[in-house]
Amino acid sequence: QSFMLFQVGITYAFLRLRHASWGRRRRRRPGEEEEETGGGGEIAMMSVVIPAYKEVGTIGRTLRRLDEAACEALEVVVVDAGGRDGTIEAAKAALSDLKKVRVTFAASTGGRGPAVAAGATVARGEVLLFVHADTRLPFHFDRKVLRVLFPQKNGGKKTPPPLASAFKFHVDRETLPKNVSVVPFRIMELTVRLRSTLFQLPFGDQAVALSRRRFESLGGFTDLAKVPILEDFLLVQRLRVLGAEGLGRIVEVPGDPAECDGRRWLAKPVWRVNLTNQAVMLLHTFAGYDPHAIFNLYYGRPATTNS
């Protein structure tokens, strides 16, 4: 975890130096128009996009949680990423339990980037929130996100609007066996929060949300839609560049965290999972590996194969 913070901190320092505005906000390019801010966030409709690959055991629980936690009627787009395990059937079986959530379905192949883009294409909301199928969002998450992205005008000093939002990261203790020590998870949660706030690098399991217009301007429907892995990292990197140029920040959503299923850290030790993630980032950032090559290394198969 210390190495992760060191590596992220060094790369962020170089990014800040390279794109620094030196106290001046850079003139916006086409597609980077400033977001309209309103009174508390009620002006925007939100869509939640869930890319789902082999999530038959989690998708129903996730949809019920969204329905329970949302303040208002909500659109949720479940994207079948080609797992062929009954994920969509499980999602449809949960529909009768939902009162506030309206579920739309989409399909894609080729990894996470195409799945995210497919869901965003179908979504009708002005705000897009991307969440993993095994993540539980806190109560009133929709209202909290909109209030972060569309803060009230206070008549004071004009500041750039938030670029995006992300929740605090927390591993769901209910998904961990009682004989597993929680100390490594607490250390990981602390370092992830430092990485997200201090170095502006949240990941996809923190439910990143941003306006549809900004997602499009950053290539969410074009080049990011072609990458099978690292789509969240690449999107956040582009947001960080805008932040370094003085155009805003990725803001942490106040209150309770997003609760992530602990299953990925039970199959392998916490340190090994995190070391693998750091290796992936280093290979892409410094060794020039493209996302397709990294996908092949990570999963041992090409991204075009869904098996």
Protein backbone atom coordinates (compact mmCIF):
# COMPACT_ATOMS: atom_id res chain seq x y z
CA GLN A 1 0.00 0.00 0.00
CA SER A 2 2.89 2.37 0.74
CA PHE A 3 4.39 1.62 -2.66
CA MET A 4 1.01 2.30 -4.26
CA LEU A 5 0.76 5.71 -2.63
CA PHE A 6 4.35 6.53 -3.57
CA GLN A 7 3.86 5.53 -7.20
CA VAL A 8 0.52 7.32 -7.52
CA GLY A 9 1.91 10.40 -5.80
CA ILE A 10 4.93 10.62 -8.11
CA THR A 11 2.86 10.21 -11.27
CA TYR A 12 0.33 12.76 -10.02
CA ALA A 13 3.09 15.27 -9.30
CA PHE A 14 4.39 14.89 -12.87
CA LEU A 15 0.85 15.22 -14.23
CA ARG A 16 0.32 18.41 -12.23
CA LEU A 17 3.59 19.87 -13.45
CA ARG A 18 2.89 18.98 -17.05
CA HIS A 19 -0.65 20.39 -17.10
CA ALA A 20 -0.43 23.02 -14.36
CA SER A 21 -2.51 26.15 -14.89
CA TRP A 22 -0.23 28.13 -12.53
CA GLY A 23 -3.17 29.91 -10.95
CA ARG A 24 -5.09 30.48 -14.19
CA ARG A 25 -7.92 28.42 -15.55
CA ARG A 26 -7.18 27.18 -19.04
CA ARG A 27 -9.59 28.22 -21.74
CA ARG A 28 -11.96 25.36 -22.41
CA ARG A 29 -11.82 23.41 -25.59
CA PRO A 30 -15.01 22.44 -27.48
CA GLY A 31 -16.93 19.83 -25.51
CA GLU A 32 -15.63 21.06 -22.16
CA GLU A 33 -18.35 23.59 -21.43
CA GLU A 34 -18.85 24.30 -17.76
CA GLU A 35 -21.65 22.40 -16.08
CA GLU A 36 -24.72 24.31 -15.04
CA THR A 37 -25.06 24.47 -11.26
CA GLY A 38 -28.40 24.56 -9.60
CA GLY A 39 -30.15 24.45 -6.28
CA GLY A 40 -29.16 21.27 -4.53
CA GLY A 41 -29.06 18.89 -7.45
CA GLU A 42 -32.77 18.38 -8.21
CA ILE A 43 -32.33 19.65 -11.77
CA ALA A 44 -30.74 16.52 -13.19
CA MET A 45 -31.93 12.99 -13.86
CA MET A 46 -29.52 10.24 -12.91
CA SER A 47 -28.99 6.87 -14.56
CA VAL A 48 -27.07 4.06 -12.84
CA VAL A 49 -25.08 1.83 -15.21
CA ILE A 50 -24.09 -1.67 -14.04
CA PRO A 51 -21.73 -3.63 -16.31
CA ALA A 52 -22.37 -7.25 -15.33
CA TYR A 53 -20.19 -10.21 -16.28
CA LYS A 54 -21.04 -13.51 -14.58
CA GLU A 55 -22.90 -11.83 -11.71
CA VAL A 56 -25.82 -14.23 -11.37
CA GLY A 57 -25.26 -14.46 -7.61
CA THR A 58 -25.09 -10.72 -6.95
CA ILE A 59 -27.18 -8.78 -9.47
CA GLY A 60 -30.56 -9.36 -7.81
CA ARG A 61 -29.26 -8.24 -4.41
CA THR A 62 -27.65 -5.17 -6.00
CA LEU A 63 -30.89 -4.10 -7.72
CA ARG A 64 -32.90 -4.54 -4.52
CA ARG A 65 -30.34 -2.46 -2.63
CA LEU A 66 -30.54 0.35 -5.20
CA ASP A 67 -34.31 0.31 -4.95
CA GLU A 68 -34.16 0.45 -1.16
CA ALA A 69 -31.47 3.15 -0.99
CA ALA A 70 -32.63 5.58 -3.70
CA CYS A 71 -34.59 8.70 -2.75
CA GLU A 72 -36.39 9.11 -6.05
CA ALA A 73 -37.50 7.08 -9.04
CA LEU A 74 -34.33 5.87 -10.73
CA GLU A 75 -33.25 4.42 -14.05
CA VAL A 76 -30.83 1.51 -13.85
CA VAL A 77 -29.20 0.01 -16.92
CA VAL A 78 -27.89 -3.55 -16.53
CA VAL A 79 -25.41 -4.46 -19.25
CA ASP A 80 -24.98 -8.12 -20.08
CA ALA A 81 -21.26 -8.30 -20.86
CA GLY A 82 -21.48 -11.82 -22.26
CA GLY A 83 -21.02 -14.04 -19.22
CA ARG A 84 -23.75 -16.50 -20.28
CA ASP A 85 -24.39 -17.57 -16.70
CA GLY A 86 -27.96 -16.36 -16.23
CA THR A 87 -27.12 -12.86 -14.94
CA ILE A 88 -29.85 -11.17 -16.98
CA GLU A 89 -32.40 -13.81 -16.01
CA ALA A 90 -31.53 -13.23 -12.34
CA ALA A 91 -31.93 -9.48 -12.84
CA LYS A 92 -35.33 -9.94 -14.46
CA ALA A 93 -36.41 -12.21 -11.60
CA ALA A 94 -35.79 -9.31 -9.18
CA LEU A 95 -37.96 -6.81 -11.10
CA SER A 96 -41.14 -7.67 -9.21
CA ASP A 97 -39.47 -6.60 -5.94
CA LEU A 98 -38.56 -3.12 -7.20
CA LYS A 99 -40.72 -0.07 -6.47
CA LYS A 100 -38.56 2.95 -7.40
CA VAL A 101 -36.06 1.46 -9.83
CA ARG A 102 -36.88 1.05 -13.52
CA VAL A 103 -34.49 -1.40 -15.15
CA THR A 104 -33.37 -1.29 -18.78
CA PHE A 105 -31.15 -3.94 -20.33
CA ALA A 106 -28.29 -3.69 -22.81
CA ALA A 107 -25.68 -6.10 -24.13
CA SER A 108 -22.06 -5.91 -25.17
CA THR A 109 -18.93 -7.97 -25.81
CA GLY A 110 -15.24 -7.20 -25.61
CA GLY A 111 -14.70 -6.26 -21.97
CA ARG A 112 -15.58 -3.44 -19.58
CA GLY A 113 -15.10 -0.41 -21.85
CA PRO A 114 -17.70 -1.59 -24.38
CA ALA A 115 -20.04 -2.59 -21.52
CA VAL A 116 -19.81 0.86 -19.90
CA ALA A 117 -20.38 2.59 -23.25
CA ALA A 118 -23.32 0.32 -24.12
CA GLY A 119 -25.02 1.13 -20.84
CA ALA A 120 -24.36 4.86 -21.15
CA THR A 121 -25.76 4.85 -24.69
CA VAL A 122 -29.06 3.37 -23.53
CA ALA A 123 -29.27 5.54 -20.40
CA ARG A 124 -31.47 8.64 -20.52
CA GLY A 125 -30.03 10.49 -17.55
CA GLU A 126 -28.05 13.71 -17.63
CA VAL A 127 -25.84 12.21 -14.91
CA LEU A 128 -24.24 8.78 -15.27
CA LEU A 129 -23.22 6.77 -12.21
CA PHE A 130 -21.17 3.64 -12.91
CA VAL A 131 -21.25 0.94 -10.26
CA HIS A 132 -19.97 -2.62 -10.07
CA ALA A 133 -22.51 -5.39 -9.79
CA ASP A 134 -21.13 -6.47 -6.40
CA THR A 135 -21.16 -2.99 -4.79
CA ARG A 136 -23.79 -1.69 -2.37
CA LEU A 137 -24.41 2.05 -2.41
CA PRO A 138 -25.45 3.91 0.76
CA PHE A 139 -28.92 5.23 1.47
CA HIS A 140 -29.85 8.44 -0.38
CA PHE A 141 -26.87 7.96 -2.72
CA ASP A 142 -28.69 9.59 -5.64
CA ARG A 143 -29.49 12.81 -3.79
CA LYS A 144 -25.98 13.01 -2.35
CA VAL A 145 -24.32 12.60 -5.75
CA LEU A 146 -26.49 15.25 -7.39
CA ARG A 147 -25.78 17.70 -4.59
CA VAL A 148 -22.05 17.17 -5.07
CA LEU A 149 -22.16 17.55 -8.84
CA PHE A 150 -24.56 20.51 -8.81
CA PRO A 151 -23.71 22.58 -5.72
CA GLN A 152 -25.78 25.59 -4.80
CA LYS A 153 -24.59 28.97 -5.97
CA ASN A 154 -23.58 31.00 -2.95
CA GLY A 155 -22.72 34.31 -4.60
CA GLY A 156 -19.14 34.14 -3.39
CA LYS A 157 -15.92 33.47 -5.24
CA LYS A 158 -16.50 31.61 -8.46
CA THR A 159 -14.84 28.21 -8.42
CA PRO A 160 -14.78 25.50 -11.06
CA PRO A 161 -17.66 23.01 -10.71
CA PRO A 162 -16.89 19.42 -9.69
CA LEU A 163 -15.63 17.28 -12.54
CA ALA A 164 -17.05 14.08 -11.08
CA SER A 165 -17.87 12.41 -7.79
CA ALA A 166 -16.80 9.17 -6.11
CA PHE A 167 -17.74 7.45 -2.88
CA LYS A 168 -15.43 6.43 -0.08
CA PHE A 169 -14.26 2.83 -0.43
CA HIS A 170 -15.15 0.16 2.12
CA VAL A 171 -15.09 -3.64 2.04
CA ASP A 172 -18.39 -5.11 3.13
CA ARG A 173 -17.58 -6.92 6.38
CA GLU A 174 -20.66 -9.12 5.98
CA THR A 175 -19.00 -10.78 2.98
CA LEU A 176 -15.87 -11.74 4.95
CA PRO A 177 -15.58 -14.97 6.95
CA LYS A 178 -15.38 -14.43 10.71
CA ASN A 179 -11.89 -15.95 10.88
CA VAL A 180 -10.42 -13.42 8.42
CA SER A 181 -8.49 -10.50 9.92
CA VAL A 182 -9.92 -7.10 9.00
CA VAL A 183 -6.60 -5.28 9.58
CA PRO A 184 -5.40 -5.55 5.93
CA PHE A 185 -8.78 -4.25 4.77
CA ARG A 186 -8.66 -1.27 7.11
CA ILE A 187 -5.17 -0.38 5.85
CA MET A 188 -6.36 -0.71 2.26
CA GLU A 189 -9.41 1.48 2.91
CA LEU A 190 -7.22 4.21 4.41
CA THR A 191 -4.74 4.20 1.54
CA VAL A 192 -7.52 4.14 -1.06
CA ARG A 193 -9.06 7.22 0.53
CA LEU A 194 -5.71 9.01 0.42
CA ARG A 195 -5.25 7.98 -3.19
CA SER A 196 -8.75 9.19 -4.11
CA THR A 197 -8.75 12.53 -2.29
CA LEU A 198 -5.12 13.63 -2.15
CA PHE A 199 -4.08 12.26 -5.54
CA GLN A 200 -7.50 12.39 -7.27
CA LEU A 201 -7.50 8.73 -8.33
CA PRO A 202 -10.71 6.87 -7.43
CA PHE A 203 -11.40 3.56 -9.15
CA GLY A 204 -14.55 2.00 -10.54
CA ASP A 205 -15.50 0.23 -7.31
CA GLN A 206 -16.09 3.69 -5.79
CA ALA A 207 -19.06 4.38 -8.08
CA VAL A 208 -17.75 7.30 -10.13
CA ALA A 209 -20.46 9.69 -11.37
CA LEU A 210 -20.25 12.51 -13.89
CA SER A 211 -22.42 14.33 -16.39
CA ARG A 212 -23.26 12.59 -19.64
CA ARG A 213 -21.84 15.58 -21.53
CA ARG A 214 -18.49 15.32 -19.76
CA PHE A 215 -18.35 11.54 -20.25
CA GLU A 216 -18.87 12.07 -23.97
CA SER A 217 -16.29 14.87 -24.20
CA LEU A 218 -13.68 12.60 -22.57
CA GLY A 219 -14.17 9.85 -25.14
CA GLY A 220 -16.53 7.62 -23.19
CA PHE A 221 -18.52 6.72 -26.31
CA THR A 222 -15.49 6.52 -28.64
CA ASP A 223 -11.95 5.52 -27.71
CA LEU A 224 -12.71 4.48 -24.12
CA ALA A 225 -15.51 2.31 -25.49
CA LYS A 226 -12.90 0.19 -27.26
CA VAL A 227 -10.74 -0.78 -24.27
CA PRO A 228 -11.48 -4.12 -22.59
CA ILE A 229 -9.92 -3.15 -19.24
CA LEU A 230 -8.67 -0.02 -17.43
CA GLU A 231 -11.61 2.04 -18.69
CA ASP A 232 -12.15 3.52 -15.22
CA PHE A 233 -8.44 4.34 -14.81
CA LEU A 234 -8.26 6.00 -18.24
CA LEU A 235 -11.43 8.01 -17.63
CA VAL A 236 -10.17 9.24 -14.25
CA GLN A 237 -6.77 10.07 -15.77
CA ARG A 238 -8.50 12.39 -18.22
CA LEU A 239 -10.45 13.96 -15.38
CA ARG A 240 -7.18 14.47 -13.49
CA VAL A 241 -5.72 16.32 -16.48
CA LEU A 242 -8.67 18.70 -16.42
CA GLY A 243 -8.14 19.13 -12.70
CA ALA A 244 -4.45 19.92 -13.17
CA GLU A 245 -5.47 22.57 -15.70
CA GLY A 246 -7.64 24.27 -13.09
CA LEU A 247 -11.02 23.13 -14.39
CA GLY A 248 -12.30 21.37 -11.26
CA ARG A 249 -11.82 18.38 -8.97
CA ILE A 250 -13.16 14.88 -8.41
CA VAL A 251 -15.15 15.32 -5.21
CA GLU A 252 -15.72 12.70 -2.53
CA VAL A 253 -19.40 12.10 -1.74
CA PRO A 254 -19.92 12.86 1.97
CA GLY A 255 -21.38 10.30 4.34
CA ASP A 256 -21.34 6.54 4.16
CA PRO A 257 -19.08 4.65 1.73
CA ALA A 258 -19.76 2.29 -1.13
CA GLU A 259 -19.60 -1.27 0.25
CA CYS A 260 -17.66 -3.65 -1.98
CA ASP A 261 -17.97 -7.42 -1.83
CA GLY A 262 -14.84 -8.96 -0.31
CA ARG A 263 -14.78 -11.96 -2.65
CA ARG A 264 -11.87 -10.75 -4.80
CA TRP A 265 -9.62 -10.50 -1.72
CA LEU A 266 -10.66 -13.92 -0.41
CA ALA A 267 -9.53 -15.85 -3.48
CA LYS A 268 -6.08 -14.23 -3.15
CA PRO A 269 -4.45 -12.28 -0.30
CA VAL A 270 -5.07 -8.54 -0.15
CA TRP A 271 -1.42 -7.73 -0.82
CA ARG A 272 -1.33 -9.95 -3.92
CA VAL A 273 -4.48 -8.46 -5.45
CA ASN A 274 -3.24 -4.93 -4.84
CA LEU A 275 0.26 -5.73 -6.13
CA THR A 276 -1.27 -7.11 -9.32
CA ASN A 277 -3.31 -3.93 -9.75
CA GLN A 278 -0.19 -1.81 -9.30
CA ALA A 279 1.70 -3.92 -11.83
CA VAL A 280 -1.11 -3.37 -14.34
CA MET A 281 -0.96 0.40 -13.84
CA LEU A 282 2.82 0.43 -14.18
CA LEU A 283 2.77 -1.68 -17.33
CA HIS A 284 0.30 0.70 -18.94
CA THR A 285 1.79 3.97 -17.67
CA PHE A 286 5.51 3.29 -18.04
CA ALA A 287 5.94 0.22 -20.25
CA GLY A 288 3.45 1.18 -22.96
CA TYR A 289 1.19 -1.88 -22.68
CA ASP A 290 -2.18 -1.14 -24.24
CA PRO A 291 -5.39 -2.30 -22.52
CA HIS A 292 -5.82 -5.23 -24.92
CA ALA A 293 -2.38 -6.60 -24.06
CA ILE A 294 -3.03 -6.10 -20.35
CA PHE A 295 -6.38 -7.89 -20.62
CA ASN A 296 -4.63 -10.84 -22.25
CA LEU A 297 -2.01 -10.93 -19.48
CA TYR A 298 -4.58 -10.53 -16.71
CA TYR A 299 -7.16 -13.07 -17.91
CA GLY A 300 -5.10 -15.27 -20.20
CA ARG A 301 -7.42 -14.81 -23.17
CA PRO A 302 -8.27 -12.16 -25.75
CA ALA A 303 -10.96 -9.65 -24.84
CA THR A 304 -13.15 -10.63 -27.77
CA THR A 305 -13.73 -14.05 -26.21
CA ASN A 306 -16.51 -14.34 -23.64
CA SER A 307 -15.99 -17.59 -21.79
